[in-house]
Amino acid sequence: MILPNPEQLLPEMVATLKQHLIDRDIQEPRFIGIRTGGVWVAQALLAARAQNEPLGILDVSFYRDDFTQKGLHPQVQPSELPFEIEGQHLVLIDDVLMTGRTIRAALNELFDYGRPASVTLVCLLDLNARELPIRPDVVGATLSLAPEQRIKLIGPEPLALEQQMETSGS
């Protein structure tokens, strides 16, 4: 399988996001990247928008529904939200949408900070493997993988995608 180049997906994602925000009359969105890959994608999108907007960083480790099964990842860091969530129009950005569970965890965490006016979901890749009814508003590319295949974003600069095979027991 030939994977798309993330750097080539970004301009179209920026244009689609811009139109999405215009259509919804969203003037001052607040950008939040899900650590780690979502933050890299968010930084690239913000750079492509050529606007100096603050970036929130969300670490959803404590909000995952598999936390008790997998334990705590050793790289857990606190979330950093340099703006209010209450009443804001949020643009939530992740690298790869697979099951939807990371996005569910992110929404749960965001609502602990307040009730946003809206949440726009932006994902670099949608792998069409959802277990929850979550769909991106803006997506770079949609792929379908075999059950044992995974995609990992490598970054932050340059962004690249790597195909991986899931090992047994993980």
Protein backbone atom coordinates (compact mmCIF):
# COMPACT_ATOMS: atom_id res chain seq x y z
CA MET A 1 0.00 0.00 0.00
CA ILE A 2 1.28 3.44 -0.90
CA LEU A 3 0.65 5.87 1.94
CA PRO A 4 -0.20 9.50 1.24
CA ASN A 5 2.34 12.20 2.02
CA PRO A 6 0.98 14.25 4.97
CA GLU A 7 2.66 17.40 3.67
CA GLN A 8 0.62 17.07 0.46
CA LEU A 9 -2.65 16.53 2.37
CA LEU A 10 -2.32 19.68 4.50
CA PRO A 11 -3.16 22.39 1.91
CA GLU A 12 -6.50 20.76 1.05
CA MET A 13 -7.22 20.21 4.76
CA VAL A 14 -6.58 23.91 5.43
CA ALA A 15 -8.93 24.92 2.60
CA THR A 16 -11.66 22.51 3.76
CA LEU A 17 -11.32 23.67 7.37
CA LYS A 18 -11.48 27.32 6.31
CA GLN A 19 -14.70 26.68 4.38
CA HIS A 20 -16.14 24.64 7.26
CA LEU A 21 -15.53 27.52 9.69
CA ILE A 22 -17.01 30.07 7.25
CA ASP A 23 -20.11 27.92 6.68
CA ARG A 24 -20.68 27.77 10.43
CA ASP A 25 -19.86 31.45 11.00
CA ILE A 26 -17.03 30.56 13.41
CA GLN A 27 -14.82 33.63 13.75
CA GLU A 28 -12.29 32.74 16.45
CA PRO A 29 -11.78 28.99 16.72
CA ARG A 30 -9.54 27.56 19.42
CA PHE A 31 -7.19 24.83 18.20
CA ILE A 32 -6.43 21.75 20.30
CA GLY A 33 -4.12 18.91 19.26
CA ILE A 34 -4.26 15.45 20.83
CA ARG A 35 -0.79 14.45 21.99
CA THR A 36 1.42 13.52 20.19
CA GLY A 37 0.55 13.12 16.50
CA GLY A 38 -2.47 15.40 16.70
CA VAL A 39 -0.27 18.17 18.09
CA TRP A 40 2.12 17.77 15.14
CA VAL A 41 -0.76 17.95 12.66
CA ALA A 42 -2.23 20.95 14.51
CA GLN A 43 1.12 22.78 14.40
CA ALA A 44 1.39 22.12 10.66
CA LEU A 45 -2.18 23.31 10.05
CA LEU A 46 -1.65 26.47 12.08
CA ALA A 47 1.60 27.18 10.22
CA ALA A 48 -0.19 26.70 6.90
CA ARG A 49 -2.97 29.08 8.02
CA ALA A 50 -0.23 31.66 8.66
CA GLN A 51 -1.99 32.92 11.77
CA ASN A 52 -0.51 33.17 15.21
CA GLU A 53 -3.15 31.29 17.20
CA PRO A 54 -2.60 29.61 20.56
CA LEU A 55 -2.55 25.82 20.50
CA GLY A 56 -4.03 23.71 23.26
CA ILE A 57 -2.51 20.30 23.90
CA LEU A 58 -4.62 17.43 25.20
CA ASP A 59 -3.23 14.24 26.74
CA VAL A 60 -6.17 11.85 27.00
CA SER A 61 -4.30 9.03 28.77
CA PHE A 62 -6.39 9.20 31.95
CA TYR A 63 -9.64 9.34 29.96
CA ARG A 64 -9.12 6.25 27.82
CA ASP A 65 -11.57 3.40 28.34
CA ASP A 66 -8.70 0.88 28.12
CA PHE A 67 -6.70 2.58 30.90
CA THR A 68 -7.29 -0.26 33.38
CA GLN A 69 -6.29 -2.89 30.81
CA LYS A 70 -3.19 -1.24 29.37
CA GLY A 71 -2.02 0.85 32.30
CA LEU A 72 -0.45 4.26 32.12
CA HIS A 73 1.84 5.08 29.22
CA PRO A 74 5.23 6.20 30.56
CA GLN A 75 5.16 9.42 28.49
CA VAL A 76 1.97 10.86 30.05
CA GLN A 77 2.11 14.63 30.39
CA PRO A 78 -0.48 17.11 31.58
CA SER A 79 -2.85 18.75 29.14
CA GLU A 80 -2.16 22.40 28.36
CA LEU A 81 -5.15 24.57 27.48
CA PRO A 82 -4.10 28.25 27.28
CA PHE A 83 -7.71 29.44 26.81
CA GLU A 84 -11.18 28.86 28.22
CA ILE A 85 -13.21 25.94 26.89
CA GLU A 86 -16.61 27.21 28.05
CA GLY A 87 -18.54 28.70 25.13
CA GLN A 88 -15.63 28.42 22.66
CA HIS A 89 -15.65 26.95 19.16
CA LEU A 90 -12.99 24.26 19.30
CA VAL A 91 -11.07 22.60 16.48
CA LEU A 92 -9.94 19.22 17.83
CA ILE A 93 -7.11 17.69 15.80
CA ASP A 94 -5.78 14.13 15.76
CA ASP A 95 -3.49 12.27 13.41
CA VAL A 96 -5.26 8.95 12.82
CA LEU A 97 -8.91 8.14 13.48
CA MET A 98 -9.33 4.43 13.90
CA THR A 99 -11.88 3.22 16.48
CA GLY A 100 -13.02 6.64 17.70
CA ARG A 101 -12.07 5.86 21.31
CA THR A 102 -9.31 8.48 21.49
CA ILE A 103 -11.75 11.15 20.28
CA ARG A 104 -14.35 10.01 22.84
CA ALA A 105 -11.71 10.31 25.55
CA ALA A 106 -10.73 13.78 24.28
CA LEU A 107 -14.36 14.97 24.35
CA ASN A 108 -14.79 13.64 27.88
CA GLU A 109 -11.71 15.56 29.02
CA LEU A 110 -12.73 18.76 27.23
CA PHE A 111 -16.16 18.72 28.88
CA ASP A 112 -14.44 18.48 32.27
CA TYR A 113 -13.02 21.94 31.47
CA GLY A 114 -16.34 23.40 30.35
CA ARG A 115 -19.05 23.22 27.71
CA PRO A 116 -17.76 24.31 24.29
CA ALA A 117 -20.07 26.03 21.81
CA SER A 118 -18.99 23.50 19.16
CA VAL A 119 -16.27 20.99 18.37
CA THR A 120 -14.96 20.50 14.83
CA LEU A 121 -12.99 17.28 14.39
CA VAL A 122 -9.98 17.31 12.04
CA CYS A 123 -8.00 14.13 11.32
CA LEU A 124 -5.10 13.56 8.97
CA LEU A 125 -6.27 9.98 8.27
CA ASP A 126 -9.54 8.12 8.74
CA LEU A 127 -8.95 4.36 8.75
CA ASN A 128 -12.62 3.35 8.46
CA ALA A 129 -12.39 1.07 11.50
CA ARG A 130 -14.72 2.87 13.90
CA GLU A 131 -16.23 1.22 16.94
CA LEU A 132 -17.98 4.46 17.95
CA PRO A 133 -20.12 6.80 15.81
CA ILE A 134 -17.47 9.49 15.43
CA ARG A 135 -16.63 11.04 12.06
CA PRO A 136 -14.20 13.83 11.18
CA ASP A 137 -15.49 17.11 9.75
CA VAL A 138 -12.19 17.56 7.90
CA VAL A 139 -10.00 14.65 6.84
CA GLY A 140 -6.84 14.45 4.76
CA ALA A 141 -7.36 10.93 3.43
CA THR A 142 -9.44 7.83 4.09
CA LEU A 143 -7.82 4.40 4.02
CA SER A 144 -8.97 0.86 4.77
CA LEU A 145 -6.46 -1.50 6.33
CA ALA A 146 -6.33 -5.20 7.08
CA PRO A 147 -7.11 -5.91 10.77
CA GLU A 148 -3.43 -6.47 11.65
CA GLN A 149 -2.21 -3.28 9.93
CA ARG A 150 -1.64 0.05 11.67
CA ILE A 151 -0.48 3.49 10.53
CA LYS A 152 1.84 5.63 12.63
CA LEU A 153 2.62 9.30 12.11
CA ILE A 154 6.31 10.13 12.33
CA GLY A 155 7.32 13.71 13.04
CA PRO A 156 7.20 16.46 13.87
CA GLU A 157 9.18 17.68 10.84
CA PRO A 158 8.77 16.48 8.27
CA LEU A 159 5.53 14.61 8.85
CA ALA A 160 5.54 11.09 7.40
CA LEU A 161 3.34 8.02 7.64
CA GLU A 162 4.65 4.55 8.40
CA GLN A 163 2.76 1.31 7.96
CA GLN A 164 3.16 -1.19 10.79
CA MET A 165 1.94 -4.69 11.54
CA GLU A 166 0.33 -5.33 14.88
CA THR A 167 2.21 -7.96 16.83
CA SER A 168 0.31 -10.70 18.63
CA GLY A 169 -0.54 -9.88 22.20
CA SER A 170 -0.90 -6.14 21.69
